[in-house]
Each structure stands twice: as structure tokens, then as C-alpha cells.
Amino acid sequence: MSIAGRWRIVEMPDYVEDYIDIMEPAHIEFAADGPGDFAFSCVTGQIRCGRRQSRRLLLARQ
């Protein structure tokens, strides 16, 4: 199963509903080769992720 693509963030319990989309629609995006990016509220960033033998997704941030 591939998770590559852009995924819409539709809910964040600690934020008011309109706030997560204040700059652009909130999302997380995974490239087929691992890296990706995310945006919500006034926050943007890049992520590195990898997948091992299990069905879990591993995310790392620095």
C-alpha cells in the first residue's frame, strides 16, 4: 500500500476549525521516495519518513 500523495488534514483537536486553514488548506504530503512536507495554520515544514517491514509509518523531525 502506498501513502504517496497529498493528504488533507481535516481536524486537529487543539485548534479552532478555521485556524488550521488560515494560510492554505492544511495538508501533509509524502513523496514516493520518502521526503515530504506539511502545512497547517501558519506552520510549514519538511519531513523525512521511511517505511520498514511493518505497516506503520515512521516520521522524524529535527
PDB file of N, CA and C in Angstrom:
ATOM      1  N   MET A   1       0.830  -1.175   0.000  1.00  0.00           N
ATOM      2  CA  MET A   1       0.000   0.000   0.000  1.00  0.00           C
ATOM      3  C   MET A   1       0.881   1.246   0.000  1.00  0.00           C
ATOM      4  N   SER A   2       0.623   2.161  -0.873  1.00  0.00           N
ATOM      5  CA  SER A   2       1.401   3.391  -0.960  1.00  0.00           C
ATOM      6  C   SER A   2       0.656   4.541  -0.282  1.00  0.00           C
ATOM      7  N   ILE A   3       1.394   5.339   0.448  1.00  0.00           N
ATOM      8  CA  ILE A   3       0.798   6.541   1.043  1.00  0.00           C
ATOM      9  C   ILE A   3       1.253   7.797   0.303  1.00  0.00           C
ATOM     10  N   ALA A   4       2.005   7.620  -0.774  1.00  0.00           N
ATOM     11  CA  ALA A   4       2.498   8.768  -1.530  1.00  0.00           C
ATOM     12  C   ALA A   4       1.329   9.625  -2.001  1.00  0.00           C
ATOM     13  N   GLY A   5       1.519  10.930  -1.903  1.00  0.00           N
ATOM     14  CA  GLY A   5       0.489  11.861  -2.340  1.00  0.00           C
ATOM     15  C   GLY A   5       0.219  12.925  -1.287  1.00  0.00           C
ATOM     16  N   ARG A   6      -0.711  13.768  -1.577  1.00  0.00           N
ATOM     17  CA  ARG A   6      -1.067  14.871  -0.688  1.00  0.00           C
ATOM     18  C   ARG A   6      -2.334  14.499   0.073  1.00  0.00           C
ATOM     19  N   TRP A   7      -2.246  14.552   1.396  1.00  0.00           N
ATOM     20  CA  TRP A   7      -3.350  14.185   2.270  1.00  0.00           C
ATOM     21  C   TRP A   7      -3.838  15.436   2.997  1.00  0.00           C
ATOM     22  N   ARG A   8      -5.115  15.638   2.993  1.00  0.00           N
ATOM     23  CA  ARG A   8      -5.736  16.801   3.626  1.00  0.00           C
ATOM     24  C   ARG A   8      -5.884  16.562   5.125  1.00  0.00           C
ATOM     25  N   ILE A   9      -5.474  17.535   5.938  1.00  0.00           N
ATOM     26  CA  ILE A   9      -5.701  17.498   7.383  1.00  0.00           C
ATOM     27  C   ILE A   9      -7.052  18.158   7.618  1.00  0.00           C
ATOM     28  N   VAL A  10      -7.997  17.426   8.142  1.00  0.00           N
ATOM     29  CA  VAL A  10      -9.349  17.955   8.291  1.00  0.00           C
ATOM     30  C   VAL A  10      -9.707  18.286   9.740  1.00  0.00           C
ATOM     31  N   GLU A  11      -8.920  17.797  10.679  1.00  0.00           N
ATOM     32  CA  GLU A  11      -9.235  18.045  12.078  1.00  0.00           C
ATOM     33  C   GLU A  11      -7.975  18.007  12.918  1.00  0.00           C
ATOM     34  N   MET A  12      -7.851  18.962  13.835  1.00  0.00           N
ATOM     35  CA  MET A  12      -6.773  18.994  14.816  1.00  0.00           C
ATOM     36  C   MET A  12      -7.413  19.408  16.141  1.00  0.00           C
ATOM     37  N   PRO A  13      -7.495  18.497  17.094  1.00  0.00           N
ATOM     38  CA  PRO A  13      -8.251  18.741  18.322  1.00  0.00           C
ATOM     39  C   PRO A  13      -7.853  20.002  19.098  1.00  0.00           C
ATOM     40  N   ASP A  14      -6.602  20.414  19.038  1.00  0.00           N
ATOM     41  CA  ASP A  14      -6.153  21.570  19.821  1.00  0.00           C
ATOM     42  C   ASP A  14      -6.302  22.901  19.094  1.00  0.00           C
ATOM     43  N   TYR A  15      -6.884  22.908  17.898  1.00  0.00           N
ATOM     44  CA  TYR A  15      -7.023  24.133  17.110  1.00  0.00           C
ATOM     45  C   TYR A  15      -8.483  24.374  16.742  1.00  0.00           C
ATOM     46  N   VAL A  16      -8.848  25.651  16.675  1.00  0.00           N
ATOM     47  CA  VAL A  16     -10.170  26.021  16.195  1.00  0.00           C
ATOM     48  C   VAL A  16     -10.251  25.630  14.720  1.00  0.00           C
ATOM     49  N   GLU A  17     -11.396  25.191  14.277  1.00  0.00           N
ATOM     50  CA  GLU A  17     -11.550  24.628  12.927  1.00  0.00           C
ATOM     51  C   GLU A  17     -11.009  25.528  11.815  1.00  0.00           C
ATOM     52  N   ASP A  18     -11.348  26.807  11.809  1.00  0.00           N
ATOM     53  CA  ASP A  18     -10.900  27.714  10.752  1.00  0.00           C
ATOM     54  C   ASP A  18      -9.403  28.025  10.821  1.00  0.00           C
ATOM     55  N   TYR A  19      -8.815  27.898  12.000  1.00  0.00           N
ATOM     56  CA  TYR A  19      -7.426  28.293  12.191  1.00  0.00           C
ATOM     57  C   TYR A  19      -6.439  27.406  11.435  1.00  0.00           C
ATOM     58  N   ILE A  20      -6.732  26.127  11.287  1.00  0.00           N
ATOM     59  CA  ILE A  20      -5.750  25.245  10.628  1.00  0.00           C
ATOM     60  C   ILE A  20      -5.607  25.555   9.139  1.00  0.00           C
ATOM     61  N   ASP A  21      -6.592  26.231   8.561  1.00  0.00           N
ATOM     62  CA  ASP A  21      -6.549  26.568   7.134  1.00  0.00           C
ATOM     63  C   ASP A  21      -6.306  28.058   6.885  1.00  0.00           C
ATOM     64  N   ILE A  22      -5.743  28.757   7.837  1.00  0.00           N
ATOM     65  CA  ILE A  22      -5.632  30.223   7.734  1.00  0.00           C
ATOM     66  C   ILE A  22      -4.757  30.682   6.562  1.00  0.00           C
ATOM     67  N   MET A  23      -3.705  29.961   6.230  1.00  0.00           N
ATOM     68  CA  MET A  23      -2.815  30.363   5.135  1.00  0.00           C
ATOM     69  C   MET A  23      -3.065  29.566   3.847  1.00  0.00           C
ATOM     70  N   GLU A  24      -3.368  28.315   3.997  1.00  0.00           N
ATOM     71  CA  GLU A  24      -3.650  27.413   2.878  1.00  0.00           C
ATOM     72  C   GLU A  24      -4.341  26.192   3.459  1.00  0.00           C
ATOM     73  N   PRO A  25      -4.955  25.359   2.639  1.00  0.00           N
ATOM     74  CA  PRO A  25      -5.573  24.146   3.178  1.00  0.00           C
ATOM     75  C   PRO A  25      -4.525  23.274   3.886  1.00  0.00           C
ATOM     76  N   ALA A  26      -4.816  22.897   5.122  1.00  0.00           N
ATOM     77  CA  ALA A  26      -3.881  22.083   5.897  1.00  0.00           C
ATOM     78  C   ALA A  26      -3.669  20.738   5.216  1.00  0.00           C
ATOM     79  N   HIS A  27      -2.404  20.304   5.155  1.00  0.00           N
ATOM     80  CA  HIS A  27      -2.101  19.046   4.467  1.00  0.00           C
ATOM     81  C   HIS A  27      -0.788  18.456   4.952  1.00  0.00           C
ATOM     82  N   ILE A  28      -0.582  17.213   4.601  1.00  0.00           N
ATOM     83  CA  ILE A  28       0.704  16.540   4.737  1.00  0.00           C
ATOM     84  C   ILE A  28       0.917  15.805   3.418  1.00  0.00           C
ATOM     85  N   GLU A  29       2.121  15.900   2.886  1.00  0.00           N
ATOM     86  CA  GLU A  29       2.391  15.310   1.573  1.00  0.00           C
ATOM     87  C   GLU A  29       3.599  14.388   1.658  1.00  0.00           C
ATOM     88  N   PHE A  30       3.460  13.206   1.103  1.00  0.00           N
ATOM     89  CA  PHE A  30       4.531  12.216   1.083  1.00  0.00           C
ATOM     90  C   PHE A  30       4.947  11.961  -0.360  1.00  0.00           C
ATOM     91  N   ALA A  31       6.240  12.061  -0.642  1.00  0.00           N
ATOM     92  CA  ALA A  31       6.766  11.713  -1.962  1.00  0.00           C
ATOM     93  C   ALA A  31       7.006  10.204  -1.992  1.00  0.00           C
ATOM     94  N   ALA A  32       7.038   9.643  -3.153  1.00  0.00           N
ATOM     95  CA  ALA A  32       7.246   8.199  -3.294  1.00  0.00           C
ATOM     96  C   ALA A  32       8.602   7.755  -2.735  1.00  0.00           C
ATOM     97  N   ASP A  33       9.600   8.640  -2.753  1.00  0.00           N
ATOM     98  CA  ASP A  33      10.934   8.274  -2.272  1.00  0.00           C
ATOM     99  C   ASP A  33      11.182   8.640  -0.816  1.00  0.00           C
ATOM    100  N   GLY A  34      10.164   9.096  -0.079  1.00  0.00           N
ATOM    101  CA  GLY A  34      10.325   9.301   1.357  1.00  0.00           C
ATOM    102  C   GLY A  34      10.113  10.696   1.899  1.00  0.00           C
ATOM    103  N   PRO A  35      10.754  11.738   1.363  1.00  0.00           N
ATOM    104  CA  PRO A  35      10.590  13.053   1.970  1.00  0.00           C
ATOM    105  C   PRO A  35       9.205  13.624   1.685  1.00  0.00           C
ATOM    106  N   GLY A  36       8.860  14.643   2.421  1.00  0.00           N
ATOM    107  CA  GLY A  36       7.562  15.266   2.200  1.00  0.00           C
ATOM    108  C   GLY A  36       7.494  16.615   2.883  1.00  0.00           C
ATOM    109  N   ASP A  37       6.310  17.170   2.945  1.00  0.00           N
ATOM    110  CA  ASP A  37       6.124  18.440   3.637  1.00  0.00           C
ATOM    111  C   ASP A  37       4.748  18.495   4.268  1.00  0.00           C
ATOM    112  N   PHE A  38       4.550  19.501   5.101  1.00  0.00           N
ATOM    113  CA  PHE A  38       3.265  19.672   5.745  1.00  0.00           C
ATOM    114  C   PHE A  38       2.986  21.155   5.916  1.00  0.00           C
ATOM    115  N   ALA A  39       1.718  21.483   6.080  1.00  0.00           N
ATOM    116  CA  ALA A  39       1.319  22.867   6.340  1.00  0.00           C
ATOM    117  C   ALA A  39       0.012  22.846   7.114  1.00  0.00           C
ATOM    118  N   PHE A  40      -0.042  23.653   8.165  1.00  0.00           N
ATOM    119  CA  PHE A  40      -1.281  23.903   8.880  1.00  0.00           C
ATOM    120  C   PHE A  40      -1.114  25.220   9.616  1.00  0.00           C
ATOM    121  N   SER A  41      -2.196  25.963   9.728  1.00  0.00           N
ATOM    122  CA  SER A  41      -2.168  27.276  10.366  1.00  0.00           C
ATOM    123  C   SER A  41      -1.086  28.121   9.684  1.00  0.00           C
ATOM    124  N   CYS A  42      -0.175  28.689  10.463  1.00  0.00           N
ATOM    125  CA  CYS A  42       0.939  29.476   9.915  1.00  0.00           C
ATOM    126  C   CYS A  42       2.235  28.680   9.937  1.00  0.00           C
ATOM    127  N   VAL A  43       2.134  27.360  10.047  1.00  0.00           N
ATOM    128  CA  VAL A  43       3.296  26.481  10.174  1.00  0.00           C
ATOM    129  C   VAL A  43       3.479  25.679   8.889  1.00  0.00           C
ATOM    130  N   THR A  44       4.711  25.664   8.387  1.00  0.00           N
ATOM    131  CA  THR A  44       5.062  24.796   7.268  1.00  0.00           C
ATOM    132  C   THR A  44       6.367  24.105   7.605  1.00  0.00           C
ATOM    133  N   GLY A  45       6.623  22.979   7.001  1.00  0.00           N
ATOM    134  CA  GLY A  45       7.873  22.288   7.260  1.00  0.00           C
ATOM    135  C   GLY A  45       8.064  21.117   6.331  1.00  0.00           C
ATOM    136  N   GLN A  46       9.230  20.537   6.431  1.00  0.00           N
ATOM    137  CA  GLN A  46       9.572  19.362   5.645  1.00  0.00           C
ATOM    138  C   GLN A  46       9.724  18.187   6.588  1.00  0.00           C
ATOM    139  N   ILE A  47       9.434  17.021   6.077  1.00  0.00           N
ATOM    140  CA  ILE A  47       9.558  15.807   6.884  1.00  0.00           C
ATOM    141  C   ILE A  47      10.364  14.774   6.123  1.00  0.00           C
ATOM    142  N   ARG A  48      11.015  13.932   6.893  1.00  0.00           N
ATOM    143  CA  ARG A  48      11.659  12.745   6.342  1.00  0.00           C
ATOM    144  C   ARG A  48      10.903  11.574   6.923  1.00  0.00           C
ATOM    145  N   CYS A  49      10.564  10.649   6.113  1.00  0.00           N
ATOM    146  CA  CYS A  49       9.862   9.483   6.634  1.00  0.00           C
ATOM    147  C   CYS A  49      10.373   8.245   5.927  1.00  0.00           C
ATOM    148  N   GLY A  50      10.196   7.145   6.575  1.00  0.00           N
ATOM    149  CA  GLY A  50      10.623   5.893   5.991  1.00  0.00           C
ATOM    150  C   GLY A  50       9.666   4.792   6.397  1.00  0.00           C
ATOM    151  N   ARG A  51       9.712   3.732   5.685  1.00  0.00           N
ATOM    152  CA  ARG A  51       8.830   2.617   5.972  1.00  0.00           C
ATOM    153  C   ARG A  51       9.673   1.358   6.087  1.00  0.00           C
ATOM    154  N   ARG A  52       9.425   0.633   7.124  1.00  0.00           N
ATOM    155  CA  ARG A  52      10.162  -0.615   7.311  1.00  0.00           C
ATOM    156  C   ARG A  52       9.251  -1.787   6.995  1.00  0.00           C
ATOM    157  N   GLN A  53       9.577  -2.928   7.501  1.00  0.00           N
ATOM    158  CA  GLN A  53       8.810  -4.137   7.206  1.00  0.00           C
ATOM    159  C   GLN A  53       7.370  -4.075   7.720  1.00  0.00           C
ATOM    160  N   SER A  54       7.139  -3.345   8.779  1.00  0.00           N
ATOM    161  CA  SER A  54       5.797  -3.301   9.351  1.00  0.00           C
ATOM    162  C   SER A  54       4.892  -2.376   8.530  1.00  0.00           C
ATOM    163  N   ARG A  55       3.647  -2.314   8.896  1.00  0.00           N
ATOM    164  CA  ARG A  55       2.679  -1.469   8.202  1.00  0.00           C
ATOM    165  C   ARG A  55       2.616  -0.082   8.829  1.00  0.00           C
ATOM    166  N   ARG A  56       3.492   0.240   9.753  1.00  0.00           N
ATOM    167  CA  ARG A  56       3.493   1.547  10.412  1.00  0.00           C
ATOM    168  C   ARG A  56       4.289   2.560   9.609  1.00  0.00           C
ATOM    169  N   LEU A  57       3.923   3.793   9.744  1.00  0.00           N
ATOM    170  CA  LEU A  57       4.649   4.896   9.130  1.00  0.00           C
ATOM    171  C   LEU A  57       5.525   5.528  10.192  1.00  0.00           C
ATOM    172  N   LEU A  58       6.791   5.736   9.890  1.00  0.00           N
ATOM    173  CA  LEU A  58       7.735   6.334  10.832  1.00  0.00           C
ATOM    174  C   LEU A  58       8.062   7.748  10.371  1.00  0.00           C
ATOM    175  N   LEU A  59       7.876   8.722  11.233  1.00  0.00           N
ATOM    176  CA  LEU A  59       8.182  10.110  10.917  1.00  0.00           C
ATOM    177  C   LEU A  59       9.306  10.597  11.818  1.00  0.00           C
ATOM    178  N   ALA A  60      10.166  11.442  11.300  1.00  0.00           N
ATOM    179  CA  ALA A  60      11.252  12.033  12.086  1.00  0.00           C
ATOM    180  C   ALA A  60      11.251  13.527  11.883  1.00  0.00           C
ATOM    181  N   ARG A  61      11.530  14.281  12.916  1.00  0.00           N
ATOM    182  CA  ARG A  61      11.671  15.720  12.789  1.00  0.00           C
ATOM    183  C   ARG A  61      12.887  16.167  13.569  1.00  0.00           C
ATOM    184  N   GLN A  62      13.465  17.278  13.120  1.00  0.00           N
ATOM    185  CA  GLN A  62      14.649  17.823  13.800  1.00  0.00           C
ATOM    186  C   GLN A  62      14.429  19.269  14.105  1.00  0.00           C
TER     187      GLN A  62
END
